[in-house]
Amino acid sequence: MTIKPIKTEEQYEEALQQIYNLLRTHPQPNSEAGDELELIVTLVEAYEDIHYPMSASDPVAYLQNKMLQNGL
């Protein structure tokens, strides 16, 4: 198991594929595969925090949108 930091979009896509492949095996927590999955997910989250940041939602805008959707 060689795990490296994710620095490029290509590495990011490869990491997502690794996660998919590992999830298909249903790894047990604290097993080698389970630990590998946890590490890769952590690296993907770190990459996403930098390259795909999510802005905080505006609760007032959310309520206004819901009210509009429900005709209120």
PDB file of N, CA and C in Angstrom:
ATOM      1  N   MET A   1       0.847  -1.175   0.000  1.00  0.00           N
ATOM      2  CA  MET A   1       0.000   0.000   0.000  1.00  0.00           C
ATOM      3  C   MET A   1       0.891   1.237   0.000  1.00  0.00           C
ATOM      4  N   THR A   2       0.860   1.986  -1.104  1.00  0.00           N
ATOM      5  CA  THR A   2       1.597   3.235  -1.197  1.00  0.00           C
ATOM      6  C   THR A   2       0.592   4.372  -1.277  1.00  0.00           C
ATOM      7  N   ILE A   3       0.574   5.195  -0.272  1.00  0.00           N
ATOM      8  CA  ILE A   3      -0.361   6.317  -0.235  1.00  0.00           C
ATOM      9  C   ILE A   3       0.447   7.594  -0.226  1.00  0.00           C
ATOM     10  N   LYS A   4       0.104   8.480  -1.171  1.00  0.00           N
ATOM     11  CA  LYS A   4       0.821   9.746  -1.323  1.00  0.00           C
ATOM     12  C   LYS A   4      -0.176  10.898  -1.302  1.00  0.00           C
ATOM     13  N   PRO A   5       0.289  12.102  -1.001  1.00  0.00           N
ATOM     14  CA  PRO A   5      -0.597  13.264  -1.066  1.00  0.00           C
ATOM     15  C   PRO A   5      -1.167  13.428  -2.468  1.00  0.00           C
ATOM     16  N   ILE A   6      -2.369  13.959  -2.546  1.00  0.00           N
ATOM     17  CA  ILE A   6      -3.021  14.207  -3.824  1.00  0.00           C
ATOM     18  C   ILE A   6      -2.671  15.627  -4.244  1.00  0.00           C
ATOM     19  N   LYS A   7      -2.011  15.747  -5.397  1.00  0.00           N
ATOM     20  CA  LYS A   7      -1.556  17.062  -5.859  1.00  0.00           C
ATOM     21  C   LYS A   7      -2.155  17.478  -7.194  1.00  0.00           C
ATOM     22  N   THR A   8      -2.694  16.530  -7.946  1.00  0.00           N
ATOM     23  CA  THR A   8      -3.237  16.853  -9.272  1.00  0.00           C
ATOM     24  C   THR A   8      -4.649  16.299  -9.393  1.00  0.00           C
ATOM     25  N   GLU A   9      -5.365  16.816 -10.388  1.00  0.00           N
ATOM     26  CA  GLU A   9      -6.715  16.335 -10.652  1.00  0.00           C
ATOM     27  C   GLU A   9      -6.692  14.849 -11.045  1.00  0.00           C
ATOM     28  N   GLU A  10      -5.666  14.449 -11.756  1.00  0.00           N
ATOM     29  CA  GLU A  10      -5.537  13.049 -12.147  1.00  0.00           C
ATOM     30  C   GLU A  10      -5.369  12.152 -10.916  1.00  0.00           C
ATOM     31  N   GLN A  11      -4.544  12.573  -9.983  1.00  0.00           N
ATOM     32  CA  GLN A  11      -4.362  11.812  -8.749  1.00  0.00           C
ATOM     33  C   GLN A  11      -5.661  11.776  -7.944  1.00  0.00           C
ATOM     34  N   TYR A  12      -6.392  12.875  -7.981  1.00  0.00           N
ATOM     35  CA  TYR A  12      -7.683  12.949  -7.298  1.00  0.00           C
ATOM     36  C   TYR A  12      -8.653  11.922  -7.882  1.00  0.00           C
ATOM     37  N   GLU A  13      -8.742  11.865  -9.195  1.00  0.00           N
ATOM     38  CA  GLU A  13      -9.623  10.898  -9.861  1.00  0.00           C
ATOM     39  C   GLU A  13      -9.197   9.463  -9.541  1.00  0.00           C
ATOM     40  N   GLU A  14      -7.895   9.221  -9.507  1.00  0.00           N
ATOM     41  CA  GLU A  14      -7.388   7.887  -9.164  1.00  0.00           C
ATOM     42  C   GLU A  14      -7.759   7.526  -7.729  1.00  0.00           C
ATOM     43  N   ALA A  15      -7.674   8.486  -6.829  1.00  0.00           N
ATOM     44  CA  ALA A  15      -8.021   8.237  -5.431  1.00  0.00           C
ATOM     45  C   ALA A  15      -9.503   7.922  -5.301  1.00  0.00           C
ATOM     46  N   LEU A  16     -10.346   8.636  -6.051  1.00  0.00           N
ATOM     47  CA  LEU A  16     -11.775   8.338  -6.018  1.00  0.00           C
ATOM     48  C   LEU A  16     -12.046   6.921  -6.516  1.00  0.00           C
ATOM     49  N   GLN A  17     -11.316   6.497  -7.538  1.00  0.00           N
ATOM     50  CA  GLN A  17     -11.467   5.135  -8.056  1.00  0.00           C
ATOM     51  C   GLN A  17     -11.009   4.113  -7.009  1.00  0.00           C
ATOM     52  N   GLN A  18      -9.922   4.422  -6.304  1.00  0.00           N
ATOM     53  CA  GLN A  18      -9.446   3.531  -5.244  1.00  0.00           C
ATOM     54  C   GLN A  18     -10.504   3.392  -4.156  1.00  0.00           C
ATOM     55  N   ILE A  19     -11.130   4.499  -3.792  1.00  0.00           N
ATOM     56  CA  ILE A  19     -12.182   4.466  -2.775  1.00  0.00           C
ATOM     57  C   ILE A  19     -13.323   3.574  -3.249  1.00  0.00           C
ATOM     58  N   TYR A  20     -13.740   3.765  -4.488  1.00  0.00           N
ATOM     59  CA  TYR A  20     -14.814   2.953  -5.053  1.00  0.00           C
ATOM     60  C   TYR A  20     -14.451   1.473  -5.001  1.00  0.00           C
ATOM     61  N   ASN A  21     -13.248   1.144  -5.438  1.00  0.00           N
ATOM     62  CA  ASN A  21     -12.810  -0.260  -5.453  1.00  0.00           C
ATOM     63  C   ASN A  21     -12.758  -0.853  -4.045  1.00  0.00           C
ATOM     64  N   LEU A  22     -12.262  -0.076  -3.100  1.00  0.00           N
ATOM     65  CA  LEU A  22     -12.185  -0.566  -1.718  1.00  0.00           C
ATOM     66  C   LEU A  22     -13.579  -0.750  -1.120  1.00  0.00           C
ATOM     67  N   LEU A  23     -14.489   0.179  -1.394  1.00  0.00           N
ATOM     68  CA  LEU A  23     -15.836   0.060  -0.850  1.00  0.00           C
ATOM     69  C   LEU A  23     -16.554  -1.184  -1.368  1.00  0.00           C
ATOM     70  N   ARG A  24     -16.245  -1.584  -2.572  1.00  0.00           N
ATOM     71  CA  ARG A  24     -16.870  -2.776  -3.149  1.00  0.00           C
ATOM     72  C   ARG A  24     -16.444  -4.048  -2.408  1.00  0.00           C
ATOM     73  N   THR A  25     -15.315  -4.011  -1.701  1.00  0.00           N
ATOM     74  CA  THR A  25     -14.841  -5.183  -0.964  1.00  0.00           C
ATOM     75  C   THR A  25     -15.385  -5.230   0.461  1.00  0.00           C
ATOM     76  N   HIS A  26     -16.107  -4.188   0.870  1.00  0.00           N
ATOM     77  CA  HIS A  26     -16.680  -4.104   2.223  1.00  0.00           C
ATOM     78  C   HIS A  26     -15.613  -4.339   3.291  1.00  0.00           C
ATOM     79  N   PRO A  27     -14.586  -3.478   3.333  1.00  0.00           N
ATOM     80  CA  PRO A  27     -13.504  -3.691   4.305  1.00  0.00           C
ATOM     81  C   PRO A  27     -13.989  -3.528   5.748  1.00  0.00           C
ATOM     82  N   GLN A  28     -13.428  -4.327   6.605  1.00  0.00           N
ATOM     83  CA  GLN A  28     -13.744  -4.249   8.029  1.00  0.00           C
ATOM     84  C   GLN A  28     -12.961  -3.105   8.671  1.00  0.00           C
ATOM     85  N   PRO A  29     -13.564  -2.408   9.619  1.00  0.00           N
ATOM     86  CA  PRO A  29     -12.823  -1.371  10.336  1.00  0.00           C
ATOM     87  C   PRO A  29     -11.566  -1.966  10.980  1.00  0.00           C
ATOM     88  N   ASN A  30     -10.528  -1.197  10.999  1.00  0.00           N
ATOM     89  CA  ASN A  30      -9.248  -1.566  11.607  1.00  0.00           C
ATOM     90  C   ASN A  30      -8.536  -2.705  10.891  1.00  0.00           C
ATOM     91  N   SER A  31      -9.003  -3.070   9.702  1.00  0.00           N
ATOM     92  CA  SER A  31      -8.263  -4.032   8.882  1.00  0.00           C
ATOM     93  C   SER A  31      -7.310  -3.229   8.001  1.00  0.00           C
ATOM     94  N   GLU A  32      -6.416  -3.904   7.303  1.00  0.00           N
ATOM     95  CA  GLU A  32      -5.490  -3.205   6.414  1.00  0.00           C
ATOM     96  C   GLU A  32      -6.263  -2.433   5.344  1.00  0.00           C
ATOM     97  N   ALA A  33      -7.256  -3.069   4.742  1.00  0.00           N
ATOM     98  CA  ALA A  33      -8.061  -2.395   3.713  1.00  0.00           C
ATOM     99  C   ALA A  33      -8.889  -1.270   4.315  1.00  0.00           C
ATOM    100  N   GLY A  34      -9.410  -1.481   5.518  1.00  0.00           N
ATOM    101  CA  GLY A  34     -10.178  -0.436   6.198  1.00  0.00           C
ATOM    102  C   GLY A  34      -9.324   0.779   6.513  1.00  0.00           C
ATOM    103  N   ASP A  35      -8.110   0.540   6.960  1.00  0.00           N
ATOM    104  CA  ASP A  35      -7.183   1.639   7.245  1.00  0.00           C
ATOM    105  C   ASP A  35      -6.797   2.374   5.964  1.00  0.00           C
ATOM    106  N   GLU A  36      -6.568   1.608   4.895  1.00  0.00           N
ATOM    107  CA  GLU A  36      -6.229   2.219   3.607  1.00  0.00           C
ATOM    108  C   GLU A  36      -7.371   3.103   3.129  1.00  0.00           C
ATOM    109  N   LEU A  37      -8.591   2.618   3.238  1.00  0.00           N
ATOM    110  CA  LEU A  37      -9.761   3.399   2.837  1.00  0.00           C
ATOM    111  C   LEU A  37      -9.841   4.690   3.641  1.00  0.00           C
ATOM    112  N   GLU A  38      -9.655   4.595   4.942  1.00  0.00           N
ATOM    113  CA  GLU A  38      -9.723   5.772   5.806  1.00  0.00           C
ATOM    114  C   GLU A  38      -8.667   6.811   5.422  1.00  0.00           C
ATOM    115  N   LEU A  39      -7.465   6.354   5.126  1.00  0.00           N
ATOM    116  CA  LEU A  39      -6.394   7.270   4.734  1.00  0.00           C
ATOM    117  C   LEU A  39      -6.698   7.959   3.398  1.00  0.00           C
ATOM    118  N   ILE A  40      -7.162   7.194   2.436  1.00  0.00           N
ATOM    119  CA  ILE A  40      -7.444   7.771   1.116  1.00  0.00           C
ATOM    120  C   ILE A  40      -8.596   8.762   1.208  1.00  0.00           C
ATOM    121  N   VAL A  41      -9.620   8.427   1.976  1.00  0.00           N
ATOM    122  CA  VAL A  41     -10.741   9.353   2.152  1.00  0.00           C
ATOM    123  C   VAL A  41     -10.259  10.653   2.798  1.00  0.00           C
ATOM    124  N   THR A  42      -9.377  10.554   3.767  1.00  0.00           N
ATOM    125  CA  THR A  42      -8.838  11.744   4.422  1.00  0.00           C
ATOM    126  C   THR A  42      -8.067  12.612   3.428  1.00  0.00           C
ATOM    127  N   LEU A  43      -7.283  11.984   2.561  1.00  0.00           N
ATOM    128  CA  LEU A  43      -6.533  12.732   1.553  1.00  0.00           C
ATOM    129  C   LEU A  43      -7.477  13.390   0.541  1.00  0.00           C
ATOM    130  N   VAL A  44      -8.516  12.681   0.145  1.00  0.00           N
ATOM    131  CA  VAL A  44      -9.494  13.248  -0.798  1.00  0.00           C
ATOM    132  C   VAL A  44     -10.201  14.441  -0.160  1.00  0.00           C
ATOM    133  N   GLU A  45     -10.592  14.312   1.090  1.00  0.00           N
ATOM    134  CA  GLU A  45     -11.244  15.426   1.777  1.00  0.00           C
ATOM    135  C   GLU A  45     -10.332  16.652   1.837  1.00  0.00           C
ATOM    136  N   ALA A  46      -9.068  16.438   2.120  1.00  0.00           N
ATOM    137  CA  ALA A  46      -8.119  17.556   2.175  1.00  0.00           C
ATOM    138  C   ALA A  46      -7.988  18.217   0.808  1.00  0.00           C
ATOM    139  N   TYR A  47      -7.914  17.411  -0.244  1.00  0.00           N
ATOM    140  CA  TYR A  47      -7.810  17.950  -1.606  1.00  0.00           C
ATOM    141  C   TYR A  47      -9.076  18.736  -1.953  1.00  0.00           C
ATOM    142  N   GLU A  48     -10.236  18.178  -1.615  1.00  0.00           N
ATOM    143  CA  GLU A  48     -11.498  18.854  -1.921  1.00  0.00           C
ATOM    144  C   GLU A  48     -11.644  20.158  -1.144  1.00  0.00           C
ATOM    145  N   ASP A  49     -11.184  20.188   0.093  1.00  0.00           N
ATOM    146  CA  ASP A  49     -11.256  21.419   0.889  1.00  0.00           C
ATOM    147  C   ASP A  49     -10.506  22.557   0.206  1.00  0.00           C
ATOM    148  N   ILE A  50      -9.413  22.223  -0.463  1.00  0.00           N
ATOM    149  CA  ILE A  50      -8.601  23.234  -1.140  1.00  0.00           C
ATOM    150  C   ILE A  50      -9.147  23.569  -2.521  1.00  0.00           C
ATOM    151  N   HIS A  51      -9.490  22.546  -3.299  1.00  0.00           N
ATOM    152  CA  HIS A  51      -9.838  22.751  -4.705  1.00  0.00           C
ATOM    153  C   HIS A  51     -11.332  22.864  -4.982  1.00  0.00           C
ATOM    154  N   TYR A  52     -12.158  22.403  -4.064  1.00  0.00           N
ATOM    155  CA  TYR A  52     -13.610  22.475  -4.232  1.00  0.00           C
ATOM    156  C   TYR A  52     -14.263  22.946  -2.939  1.00  0.00           C
ATOM    157  N   PRO A  53     -13.873  24.133  -2.459  1.00  0.00           N
ATOM    158  CA  PRO A  53     -14.425  24.586  -1.184  1.00  0.00           C
ATOM    159  C   PRO A  53     -15.927  24.843  -1.286  1.00  0.00           C
ATOM    160  N   MET A  54     -16.614  24.521  -0.225  1.00  0.00           N
ATOM    161  CA  MET A  54     -18.051  24.774  -0.160  1.00  0.00           C
ATOM    162  C   MET A  54     -18.266  26.000   0.709  1.00  0.00           C
ATOM    163  N   SER A  55     -19.005  26.934   0.174  1.00  0.00           N
ATOM    164  CA  SER A  55     -19.292  28.122   0.963  1.00  0.00           C
ATOM    165  C   SER A  55     -20.384  27.804   1.971  1.00  0.00           C
ATOM    166  N   ALA A  56     -20.380  28.545   3.042  1.00  0.00           N
ATOM    167  CA  ALA A  56     -21.407  28.355   4.056  1.00  0.00           C
ATOM    168  C   ALA A  56     -22.751  28.774   3.477  1.00  0.00           C
ATOM    169  N   SER A  57     -23.770  28.017   3.797  1.00  0.00           N
ATOM    170  CA  SER A  57     -25.084  28.348   3.272  1.00  0.00           C
ATOM    171  C   SER A  57     -25.697  29.502   4.060  1.00  0.00           C
ATOM    172  N   ASP A  58     -26.552  30.237   3.384  1.00  0.00           N
ATOM    173  CA  ASP A  58     -27.242  31.362   3.989  1.00  0.00           C
ATOM    174  C   ASP A  58     -28.602  30.869   4.470  1.00  0.00           C
ATOM    175  N   PRO A  59     -28.827  30.784   5.790  1.00  0.00           N
ATOM    176  CA  PRO A  59     -30.087  30.224   6.285  1.00  0.00           C
ATOM    177  C   PRO A  59     -31.318  31.026   5.865  1.00  0.00           C
ATOM    178  N   VAL A  60     -31.198  32.339   5.750  1.00  0.00           N
ATOM    179  CA  VAL A  60     -32.335  33.162   5.336  1.00  0.00           C
ATOM    180  C   VAL A  60     -32.690  32.866   3.881  1.00  0.00           C
ATOM    181  N   ALA A  61     -31.691  32.775   3.024  1.00  0.00           N
ATOM    182  CA  ALA A  61     -31.937  32.453   1.615  1.00  0.00           C
ATOM    183  C   ALA A  61     -32.553  31.066   1.482  1.00  0.00           C
ATOM    184  N   TYR A  62     -32.099  30.126   2.302  1.00  0.00           N
ATOM    185  CA  TYR A  62     -32.663  28.776   2.274  1.00  0.00           C
ATOM    186  C   TYR A  62     -34.148  28.812   2.633  1.00  0.00           C
ATOM    187  N   LEU A  63     -34.486  29.497   3.714  1.00  0.00           N
ATOM    188  CA  LEU A  63     -35.891  29.587   4.130  1.00  0.00           C
ATOM    189  C   LEU A  63     -36.739  30.298   3.089  1.00  0.00           C
ATOM    190  N   GLN A  64     -36.204  31.364   2.496  1.00  0.00           N
ATOM    191  CA  GLN A  64     -36.948  32.068   1.456  1.00  0.00           C
ATOM    192  C   GLN A  64     -37.215  31.155   0.268  1.00  0.00           C
ATOM    193  N   ASN A  65     -36.229  30.387  -0.118  1.00  0.00           N
ATOM    194  CA  ASN A  65     -36.381  29.458  -1.240  1.00  0.00           C
ATOM    195  C   ASN A  65     -37.422  28.390  -0.909  1.00  0.00           C
ATOM    196  N   LYS A  66     -37.374  27.828   0.295  1.00  0.00           N
ATOM    197  CA  LYS A  66     -38.350  26.818   0.707  1.00  0.00           C
ATOM    198  C   LYS A  66     -39.762  27.399   0.751  1.00  0.00           C
ATOM    199  N   MET A  67     -39.869  28.606   1.244  1.00  0.00           N
ATOM    200  CA  MET A  67     -41.177  29.250   1.289  1.00  0.00           C
ATOM    201  C   MET A  67     -41.713  29.467  -0.123  1.00  0.00           C
ATOM    202  N   LEU A  68     -40.857  29.904  -1.021  1.00  0.00           N
ATOM    203  CA  LEU A  68     -41.261  30.107  -2.413  1.00  0.00           C
ATOM    204  C   LEU A  68     -41.692  28.794  -3.052  1.00  0.00           C
ATOM    205  N   GLN A  69     -40.949  27.718  -2.798  1.00  0.00           N
ATOM    206  CA  GLN A  69     -41.290  26.413  -3.341  1.00  0.00           C
ATOM    207  C   GLN A  69     -42.637  25.914  -2.844  1.00  0.00           C
ATOM    208  N   ASN A  70     -42.992  26.288  -1.626  1.00  0.00           N
ATOM    209  CA  ASN A  70     -44.245  25.821  -1.023  1.00  0.00           C
ATOM    210  C   ASN A  70     -45.360  26.857  -1.113  1.00  0.00           C
ATOM    211  N   GLY A  71     -45.147  27.890  -1.907  1.00  0.00           N
ATOM    212  CA  GLY A  71     -46.191  28.897  -2.118  1.00  0.00           C
ATOM    213  C   GLY A  71     -46.524  29.718  -0.881  1.00  0.00           C
ATOM    214  N   LEU A  72     -45.549  29.932  -0.034  1.00  0.00           N
ATOM    215  CA  LEU A  72     -45.780  30.730   1.188  1.00  0.00           C
ATOM    216  C   LEU A  72     -45.238  32.130   1.036  1.00  0.00           C
TER     217      LEU A  72
END
